[in-house]
Every structure is written in C-alpha cells, then in structure tokens.
Amino acid sequence: MGDSYTAGAAGMSTRIEHILLENRGVASPIGGQATWRQFFTIPNILKVYNPNLFGYSFTDASSFQRISRFNVAESGAMSRDMPYQAWNLIKRMRSNPNVNITKHWKMVFYWIGTNDFCSDMCYLDDPSVVIEKHARELAETLRILRDNLPRTMVNVIASPQTF
C-alpha cells in the first residue's frame, strides 16, 4: 500500500520517458521479480525461506492490472487514499483462491506521506494540519486492516525526509 515508491515508479528507468512506468517487480517492499541476488527486496529475501510465498509483484504493471497481485499502491497517492487502498487489498485477498483470510499469515507494507508533506503543506495556512490529517488517516487505515485481515503484520514505513 502506498504511493510511487511502493508502485515502483521509474524503478528501472534509464531514459526520461520511462518515468511513467511502474516497475512493481523491483519495488523494495513488495517486488518479487527474479531473486534477491538481482533485486534486493523483502519478498525476494522471504522467497529463500518460503518458496510458496504469494502476492508479491513480479513485473511492470499498473495497480488495476491483475499481475500487480496485492500491490495496490498508486503513484501520486496521498494519505487520504489509503482507506480505499486498504479495502482494495482486502477485496483482492478475499477473492483470491490462494489466500485463506483466517488461516494464512499476511504481511502488509504501508508507505505513504511524501506527497502529503510535499504538496499539501504548500497550500495550507497551518502546515501542522497535514500531520494531524496524516495521523488520522493512518489510524483509520490501520483499523480497517485490523478488523478485516486477521493474522496480519503491518509494517509502517516512515516517509523519507524531503527537506
């Protein structure tokens, strides 16, 4: 779940026209393309210990394409989009025959905030409002995940410092 970082935006770009591609298979929290020796990602490390790992992205795709699997991140997303992404993830997991919602352990990465801090702060009279909204939206999203995805570990990744 998240924004362009998790979507893998321009992850493999070598030319300016590649910046619009989402290289989800190499995104550090959920990319599972190749092996950890080619792309050092969390799923690639976990696949060493569990070759049956499922749900990671393995190629270039948009969030609405089936091959993005459980990578529901969207480039340009903001904190206010995360409840929608949570419901989208839950829907995908519930409808997938490879997932037993009540018995399987799940790991979710939540990486959002950079767009909020870079964009919203510029337009508000009181920039601290962005932080308060971000905290409320994080809590709402975590409640949705808690109430609908049992046996789930949620990893909240702090946004990189942008100043």
Foldseek 3Di string as FASTA:
>chain_A
DEALLQQQQCVPDDDPVSRRWRFNLQRAAFHVADACVVHVHPVRVVCVVPVPDDQGAHGIDALPDCNNGLSNYYHPDALVCLLVSLVVNLVSQVPDPVHDQVPDAEEAEYEHDPNLLVPVLVPDPDSVVSVVVSVVSVVVNVVSCPVRRPNYHYHYDYYDDDD
